[in-house]
Amino acid sequence: MSSPSHHVTEIDYLRCFAILAVIYIHTAAATTRVDEIPNLDLFPVIYLENLAQFAVPLFICISGFVLYLSYKPSEGVRSFYRKRYMRIIPPYLLFSAVYLIANIFKTRFSEGIWNIPSSADVISSYMFAESNPHMWFFLIIIELYLIYPILERIYNYILKLKIEGPFIITALLLQLLWNTYSSDMSVVIDGMSHPLTNKIFLCMIFYFVLGICISNHYDQVRHFLKTSWMCIISVITGLLCVIVPLQLSVTNIENSAIGVIGYCTVAIFVLFSLGIYLADNSKCTLFVTIGVYSFGIYLIHPLIQGFFGYIIFPVIGINPSMYLYYLLVFISTSIISILGVYLIQKLPYHRYIIG
């Protein structure tokens, strides 16, 4: 085992890359509101959106990496759950309520009606992370935290048997099979169907296991990514960055399982390499700060994005059919989200608000 025992600075850079990609993806989602012109006219926006699809896989990989780095079996499973869930459950409960309320006002603003959710809707929103589209990520993280102590024991046993390769391949196959065949799986409550495709941890299990493996072998991985082999990875990445997002942009098949997993995996290693370079050669405190704030930014950015994207810019004539709209919404959301998290951290009990 050669995982580092200290704070890994490049992880902050990786979190920065991931959260900026998330903000861009959610900004580019406004292309679906453009009816009067062909989507092909917004092709660069859609292409970059697909290029940023590494965002959540990178966050999941980081979670596996950090958990394996920090988890000590001697602390006990109960202590592990208490620490992790006290960080994620309170913000999840709070912001689920915030987005349920925000959706009421959004419907009032856009459709002129008060759409008050029923008690069944509220319960379903918490159970299936449906108060806002981005909340599904927290459901996956909660599930991964739940299984981690068991998964870590299995992984350490696998290491003793020296069959780490088949373990990684098994995780890959599980994710591939789930993402391919789970599209029709759902739960029906009170007549409403709740799809399960991105609500079960299997949809991201490979990236999580990949993070665990990288953490375990990080000295070797770090050395590898700093050597000339990076040239080979760069060539492969160049091909994937052109071919895969181009295919996804033209055919609009977001869950082309093999292509997406392949692209995201290579992107993760390339971004690790970039993070290592920045950590060793740069003192870009802004990127580090964004990385440290990334959890809070993820929680609050849709509120800010909605404010600028639905209210401010359309009022002054900047709408989703214009390239300027995406640039301004992305920049405004990023800046105000960073400032928002900075201010929230000044509040008492801020850890229960933004983790």
Protein backbone atom coordinates (compact mmCIF):
# COMPACT_ATOMS: atom_id res chain seq x y z
CA MET A 1 0.00 0.00 0.00
CA SER A 2 1.45 3.38 -1.01
CA SER A 3 -1.34 5.85 -0.51
CA PRO A 4 -0.26 9.26 0.82
CA SER A 5 -0.82 10.05 4.47
CA HIS A 6 -0.99 13.84 4.08
CA HIS A 7 -3.27 16.40 2.47
CA VAL A 8 -3.12 15.99 -1.29
CA THR A 9 -3.15 19.51 -2.72
CA GLU A 10 -4.02 18.41 -6.24
CA ILE A 11 -7.36 17.13 -4.97
CA ASP A 12 -8.40 20.75 -4.39
CA TYR A 13 -7.55 21.51 -8.02
CA LEU A 14 -9.55 18.48 -9.17
CA ARG A 15 -12.56 19.63 -7.16
CA CYS A 16 -12.20 23.03 -8.81
CA PHE A 17 -12.22 21.49 -12.30
CA ALA A 18 -15.22 19.34 -11.40
CA ILE A 19 -17.40 22.10 -9.93
CA LEU A 20 -16.70 24.52 -12.79
CA ALA A 21 -17.67 21.74 -15.21
CA VAL A 22 -20.89 21.14 -13.24
CA ILE A 23 -21.78 24.84 -13.42
CA TYR A 24 -21.17 24.84 -17.16
CA ILE A 25 -23.28 21.72 -17.74
CA HIS A 26 -26.19 23.27 -15.88
CA THR A 27 -25.70 26.54 -17.75
CA ALA A 28 -25.69 24.77 -21.12
CA ALA A 29 -28.93 22.97 -20.22
CA ALA A 30 -30.69 26.18 -21.29
CA THR A 31 -30.24 25.06 -24.92
CA THR A 32 -33.32 22.87 -24.38
CA ARG A 33 -35.36 26.05 -23.99
CA VAL A 34 -34.43 27.24 -27.48
CA ASP A 35 -37.22 26.37 -29.93
CA GLU A 36 -37.06 29.01 -32.60
CA ILE A 37 -33.61 28.09 -34.01
CA PRO A 38 -32.04 24.70 -34.76
CA ASN A 39 -29.90 23.28 -31.96
CA LEU A 40 -27.07 22.97 -34.48
CA ASP A 41 -26.70 26.75 -34.27
CA LEU A 42 -25.72 26.26 -30.64
CA PHE A 43 -23.47 23.30 -31.42
CA PRO A 44 -20.35 24.72 -29.66
CA VAL A 45 -22.35 25.15 -26.45
CA ILE A 46 -23.68 21.59 -26.63
CA TYR A 47 -20.27 20.21 -27.58
CA LEU A 48 -18.61 21.83 -24.58
CA GLU A 49 -21.44 20.53 -22.40
CA ASN A 50 -20.62 16.98 -23.45
CA LEU A 51 -16.92 17.65 -23.01
CA ALA A 52 -17.67 18.59 -19.38
CA GLN A 53 -19.42 15.28 -18.63
CA PHE A 54 -16.40 14.21 -16.58
CA ALA A 55 -17.65 16.47 -13.76
CA VAL A 56 -19.67 14.11 -11.55
CA PRO A 57 -17.49 11.04 -12.32
CA LEU A 58 -14.50 13.10 -11.17
CA PHE A 59 -16.30 14.06 -7.94
CA ILE A 60 -17.16 10.39 -7.32
CA CYS A 61 -13.56 9.34 -8.02
CA ILE A 62 -12.32 11.98 -5.58
CA SER A 63 -14.73 10.65 -2.94
CA GLY A 64 -13.30 7.13 -3.28
CA PHE A 65 -9.76 8.53 -3.22
CA VAL A 66 -10.26 10.62 -0.08
CA LEU A 67 -12.21 7.93 1.80
CA TYR A 68 -9.46 5.35 1.26
CA LEU A 69 -6.88 7.95 2.24
CA SER A 70 -8.62 8.98 5.47
CA TYR A 71 -10.66 5.98 6.65
CA LYS A 72 -9.11 4.06 9.52
CA PRO A 73 -10.91 0.81 10.47
CA SER A 74 -9.77 1.41 14.05
CA GLU A 75 -12.09 4.43 14.32
CA GLY A 76 -15.08 2.14 14.03
CA VAL A 77 -17.94 2.03 11.55
CA ARG A 78 -20.28 3.99 13.83
CA SER A 79 -17.80 6.87 14.07
CA PHE A 80 -17.29 6.80 10.30
CA TYR A 81 -21.02 7.06 9.62
CA ARG A 82 -21.49 9.80 12.19
CA LYS A 83 -18.71 11.97 10.72
CA ARG A 84 -19.73 11.48 7.11
CA TYR A 85 -23.47 11.75 7.49
CA MET A 86 -23.28 14.78 9.78
CA ARG A 87 -21.50 16.46 6.90
CA ILE A 88 -23.94 15.51 4.15
CA ILE A 89 -27.38 14.79 5.64
CA PRO A 90 -28.13 18.22 7.21
CA PRO A 91 -27.26 20.13 3.98
CA TYR A 92 -29.24 17.59 1.94
CA LEU A 93 -32.34 17.98 4.12
CA LEU A 94 -32.02 21.78 4.23
CA PHE A 95 -31.44 22.35 0.53
CA SER A 96 -34.09 19.85 -0.52
CA ALA A 97 -36.52 22.10 1.37
CA VAL A 98 -34.97 25.22 -0.17
CA TYR A 99 -35.40 23.90 -3.71
CA LEU A 100 -38.94 22.71 -3.06
CA ILE A 101 -39.81 26.26 -2.01
CA ALA A 102 -37.81 27.78 -4.89
CA ASN A 103 -39.73 25.62 -7.37
CA ILE A 104 -43.01 27.03 -6.07
CA PHE A 105 -41.87 30.57 -6.83
CA LYS A 106 -40.30 29.52 -10.14
CA THR A 107 -43.64 28.09 -11.29
CA ARG A 108 -45.40 31.22 -10.11
CA PHE A 109 -42.96 33.41 -12.03
CA SER A 110 -42.95 31.37 -15.26
CA GLU A 111 -46.53 30.07 -15.39
CA GLY A 112 -48.43 32.44 -13.12
CA ILE A 113 -49.74 29.71 -10.80
CA TRP A 114 -48.97 28.58 -7.27
CA ASN A 115 -48.00 24.91 -7.56
CA ILE A 116 -47.83 23.72 -3.95
CA PRO A 117 -46.39 20.19 -3.67
CA SER A 118 -48.45 17.55 -1.90
CA SER A 119 -47.12 15.66 1.10
CA ALA A 120 -46.45 12.69 -1.21
CA ASP A 121 -44.44 14.98 -3.52
CA VAL A 122 -42.39 16.25 -0.59
CA ILE A 123 -41.66 12.74 0.68
CA SER A 124 -40.72 11.57 -2.82
CA SER A 125 -38.46 14.58 -3.28
CA TYR A 126 -36.48 13.56 -0.20
CA MET A 127 -36.52 9.84 -0.97
CA PHE A 128 -35.46 10.19 -4.60
CA ALA A 129 -33.53 13.50 -4.45
CA GLU A 130 -35.98 15.20 -6.81
CA SER A 131 -36.29 18.66 -5.29
CA ASN A 132 -33.88 19.81 -8.00
CA PRO A 133 -32.15 17.87 -10.80
CA HIS A 134 -28.65 18.25 -9.33
CA MET A 135 -29.60 16.72 -5.95
CA TRP A 136 -29.31 13.14 -7.26
CA PHE A 137 -25.56 13.40 -6.62
CA PHE A 138 -26.15 13.51 -2.86
CA LEU A 139 -28.27 10.37 -2.97
CA ILE A 140 -25.42 8.51 -4.67
CA ILE A 141 -22.88 9.82 -2.16
CA ILE A 142 -25.10 8.80 0.77
CA GLU A 143 -25.33 5.27 -0.66
CA LEU A 144 -21.58 5.06 -1.31
CA TYR A 145 -20.85 6.16 2.26
CA LEU A 146 -23.21 3.43 3.45
CA ILE A 147 -21.40 0.65 1.60
CA TYR A 148 -17.85 1.99 1.95
CA PRO A 149 -16.73 0.17 5.13
CA ILE A 150 -17.79 -3.14 3.56
CA LEU A 151 -16.28 -2.24 0.19
CA GLU A 152 -12.99 -1.27 1.83
CA ARG A 153 -12.77 -4.65 3.58
CA ILE A 154 -13.48 -6.45 0.32
CA TYR A 155 -10.84 -4.37 -1.45
CA ASN A 156 -8.17 -5.07 1.17
CA TYR A 157 -8.98 -8.78 0.96
CA ILE A 158 -8.71 -8.56 -2.83
CA LEU A 159 -5.26 -6.99 -2.42
CA LYS A 160 -4.13 -9.97 -0.34
CA LEU A 161 -5.31 -12.29 -3.11
CA LYS A 162 -3.54 -10.09 -5.69
CA ILE A 163 -6.58 -9.90 -7.96
CA GLU A 164 -7.07 -6.14 -8.01
CA GLY A 165 -7.46 -6.11 -11.80
CA PRO A 166 -10.55 -8.36 -11.85
CA PHE A 167 -12.00 -6.29 -8.99
CA ILE A 168 -11.78 -3.10 -11.07
CA ILE A 169 -13.16 -4.87 -14.14
CA THR A 170 -16.09 -6.18 -12.08
CA ALA A 171 -16.90 -2.63 -10.96
CA LEU A 172 -16.70 -1.48 -14.58
CA LEU A 173 -19.04 -4.23 -15.75
CA LEU A 174 -21.53 -3.53 -12.96
CA GLN A 175 -21.70 0.15 -13.91
CA LEU A 176 -21.86 -0.66 -17.60
CA LEU A 177 -24.69 -3.15 -17.16
CA TRP A 178 -26.64 -0.88 -14.83
CA ASN A 179 -26.37 2.18 -17.07
CA THR A 180 -27.31 0.11 -20.11
CA TYR A 181 -30.29 -1.82 -18.78
CA SER A 182 -31.74 0.27 -15.92
CA SER A 183 -33.51 2.89 -18.06
CA ASP A 184 -36.90 1.21 -17.54
CA MET A 185 -36.48 0.70 -13.80
CA SER A 186 -38.60 2.95 -11.62
CA VAL A 187 -40.64 3.13 -8.43
CA VAL A 188 -44.26 4.26 -8.56
CA ILE A 189 -45.58 6.21 -5.56
CA ASP A 190 -49.01 7.82 -5.52
CA GLY A 191 -49.27 7.39 -9.27
CA MET A 192 -45.92 9.11 -9.95
CA SER A 193 -43.04 7.20 -11.52
CA HIS A 194 -39.55 7.78 -10.12
CA PRO A 195 -36.74 6.53 -12.41
CA LEU A 196 -33.88 4.74 -10.68
CA THR A 197 -31.15 4.91 -13.33
CA ASN A 198 -29.12 7.64 -11.62
CA LYS A 199 -30.45 7.06 -8.11
CA ILE A 200 -28.58 3.83 -7.33
CA PHE A 201 -24.83 3.83 -6.57
CA LEU A 202 -24.18 1.26 -9.32
CA CYS A 203 -24.42 4.06 -11.88
CA MET A 204 -21.09 5.42 -10.53
CA ILE A 205 -19.48 2.43 -8.81
CA PHE A 206 -16.58 2.14 -11.28
CA TYR A 207 -15.42 5.72 -10.72
CA PHE A 208 -15.64 5.22 -6.95
CA VAL A 209 -13.57 2.03 -7.07
CA LEU A 210 -11.15 3.75 -9.46
CA GLY A 211 -10.62 6.48 -6.86
CA ILE A 212 -9.93 3.88 -4.16
CA CYS A 213 -7.35 2.15 -6.38
CA ILE A 214 -5.65 5.41 -7.35
CA SER A 215 -5.41 6.35 -3.66
CA ASN A 216 -3.88 2.99 -2.77
CA HIS A 217 -1.23 3.30 -5.49
CA TYR A 218 -0.92 7.05 -5.53
CA ASP A 219 2.86 7.28 -5.30
CA GLN A 220 3.19 5.15 -8.42
CA VAL A 221 0.29 6.86 -10.19
CA ARG A 222 1.70 10.29 -9.41
CA HIS A 223 5.12 9.30 -10.72
CA PHE A 224 3.57 7.75 -13.82
CA LEU A 225 1.59 10.86 -14.64
CA LYS A 226 4.70 13.03 -14.36
CA THR A 227 6.75 10.95 -16.80
CA SER A 228 6.79 10.79 -20.57
CA TRP A 229 3.84 8.39 -20.52
CA MET A 230 1.73 11.50 -20.17
CA CYS A 231 2.38 12.10 -23.86
CA ILE A 232 0.53 8.88 -24.70
CA ILE A 233 -2.37 9.81 -22.44
CA SER A 234 -2.49 13.23 -24.08
CA VAL A 235 -2.78 11.69 -27.53
CA ILE A 236 -5.57 9.34 -26.40
CA THR A 237 -7.32 12.22 -24.67
CA GLY A 238 -7.08 14.35 -27.78
CA LEU A 239 -8.82 11.64 -29.77
CA LEU A 240 -11.50 11.09 -27.14
CA CYS A 241 -12.06 14.82 -26.69
CA VAL A 242 -12.79 15.10 -30.41
CA ILE A 243 -14.60 11.85 -31.17
CA VAL A 244 -16.74 11.08 -28.11
CA PRO A 245 -18.22 14.53 -27.39
CA LEU A 246 -18.74 15.02 -31.14
CA GLN A 247 -20.69 11.76 -31.30
CA LEU A 248 -22.73 12.67 -28.23
CA SER A 249 -23.45 16.17 -29.52
CA VAL A 250 -24.69 14.93 -32.89
CA THR A 251 -26.61 11.86 -31.75
CA ASN A 252 -27.69 13.23 -28.37
CA ILE A 253 -27.13 9.94 -26.52
CA GLU A 254 -25.89 11.08 -23.15
CA ASN A 255 -25.64 7.59 -21.72
CA SER A 256 -23.69 5.88 -24.49
CA ALA A 257 -22.19 3.77 -21.72
CA ILE A 258 -18.91 2.55 -23.23
CA GLY A 259 -18.01 5.87 -24.84
CA VAL A 260 -18.88 7.97 -21.80
CA ILE A 261 -17.08 5.72 -19.31
CA GLY A 262 -14.01 5.56 -21.55
CA TYR A 263 -13.92 9.30 -22.07
CA CYS A 264 -14.50 10.13 -18.39
CA THR A 265 -11.85 7.67 -17.23
CA VAL A 266 -9.20 9.17 -19.49
CA ALA A 267 -10.33 12.67 -18.53
CA ILE A 268 -9.92 11.79 -14.84
CA PHE A 269 -6.28 10.75 -15.34
CA VAL A 270 -5.50 13.78 -17.48
CA LEU A 271 -7.05 16.11 -14.90
CA PHE A 272 -5.08 14.34 -12.15
CA SER A 273 -1.96 15.07 -14.19
CA LEU A 274 -2.95 18.73 -14.58
CA GLY A 275 -3.74 18.95 -10.87
CA ILE A 276 -0.34 17.47 -10.02
CA TYR A 277 1.39 19.97 -12.29
CA LEU A 278 -0.44 22.91 -10.73
CA ALA A 279 0.18 21.65 -7.20
CA ASP A 280 3.92 21.30 -7.89
CA ASN A 281 4.48 24.39 -10.02
CA SER A 282 1.78 26.92 -9.27
CA LYS A 283 0.33 28.81 -6.35
CA CYS A 284 -3.09 29.48 -7.85
CA THR A 285 -4.95 30.09 -4.61
CA LEU A 286 -8.17 30.94 -6.46
CA PHE A 287 -8.39 27.40 -7.90
CA VAL A 288 -7.60 25.92 -4.49
CA THR A 289 -10.27 28.09 -2.87
CA ILE A 290 -12.86 27.06 -5.45
CA GLY A 291 -11.93 23.43 -4.77
CA VAL A 292 -12.31 23.86 -1.02
CA TYR A 293 -15.68 25.58 -1.55
CA SER A 294 -16.87 23.06 -4.15
CA PHE A 295 -19.35 21.22 -1.91
CA GLY A 296 -21.08 24.43 -0.93
CA ILE A 297 -20.96 25.75 -4.49
CA TYR A 298 -22.64 22.58 -5.71
CA LEU A 299 -25.44 23.10 -3.21
CA ILE A 300 -26.21 26.75 -3.94
CA HIS A 301 -25.28 27.36 -7.59
CA PRO A 302 -28.67 26.41 -9.15
CA LEU A 303 -30.36 29.15 -7.11
CA ILE A 304 -27.96 31.74 -8.46
CA GLN A 305 -28.04 30.25 -11.94
CA GLY A 306 -31.82 30.38 -11.98
CA PHE A 307 -31.82 33.99 -10.81
CA PHE A 308 -29.50 35.14 -13.60
CA GLY A 309 -30.72 32.71 -16.27
CA TYR A 310 -34.47 33.11 -15.80
CA ILE A 311 -34.79 36.66 -14.47
CA ILE A 312 -31.87 39.05 -14.89
CA PHE A 313 -30.49 38.34 -18.36
CA PRO A 314 -33.79 37.62 -20.19
CA VAL A 315 -35.16 40.90 -18.80
CA ILE A 316 -32.32 42.83 -20.46
CA GLY A 317 -32.69 40.94 -23.72
CA ILE A 318 -29.99 38.29 -23.32
CA ASN A 319 -31.61 34.88 -23.90
CA PRO A 320 -30.56 31.23 -24.45
CA SER A 321 -30.46 31.64 -28.23
CA MET A 322 -27.38 33.85 -27.82
CA TYR A 323 -23.83 32.70 -27.07
CA LEU A 324 -23.39 35.68 -24.75
CA TYR A 325 -26.10 34.27 -22.49
CA TYR A 326 -24.07 31.13 -21.66
CA LEU A 327 -20.87 33.06 -21.05
CA LEU A 328 -22.53 35.58 -18.73
CA VAL A 329 -24.60 33.02 -16.81
CA PHE A 330 -21.54 30.81 -16.29
CA ILE A 331 -19.32 33.66 -15.08
CA SER A 332 -22.02 35.26 -12.91
CA THR A 333 -23.01 31.95 -11.32
CA SER A 334 -19.39 31.02 -10.59
CA ILE A 335 -18.47 34.35 -9.00
CA ILE A 336 -21.62 34.77 -6.91
CA SER A 337 -21.51 31.12 -5.78
CA ILE A 338 -17.94 31.54 -4.54
CA LEU A 339 -18.87 34.73 -2.70
CA GLY A 340 -22.01 33.06 -1.33
CA VAL A 341 -20.09 30.14 0.16
CA TYR A 342 -17.50 32.53 1.58
CA LEU A 343 -20.24 34.47 3.37
CA ILE A 344 -22.11 31.37 4.55
CA GLN A 345 -18.89 30.12 6.14
CA LYS A 346 -18.97 33.16 8.38
CA LEU A 347 -22.25 31.98 9.92
CA PRO A 348 -22.43 29.86 13.08
CA TYR A 349 -23.12 26.19 12.40
CA HIS A 350 -22.19 26.71 8.73
CA ARG A 351 -21.08 23.08 8.51
CA TYR A 352 -24.70 22.04 8.84
CA ILE A 353 -25.60 24.38 5.97
CA ILE A 354 -22.93 23.70 3.35
CA GLY A 355 -21.09 20.72 4.79
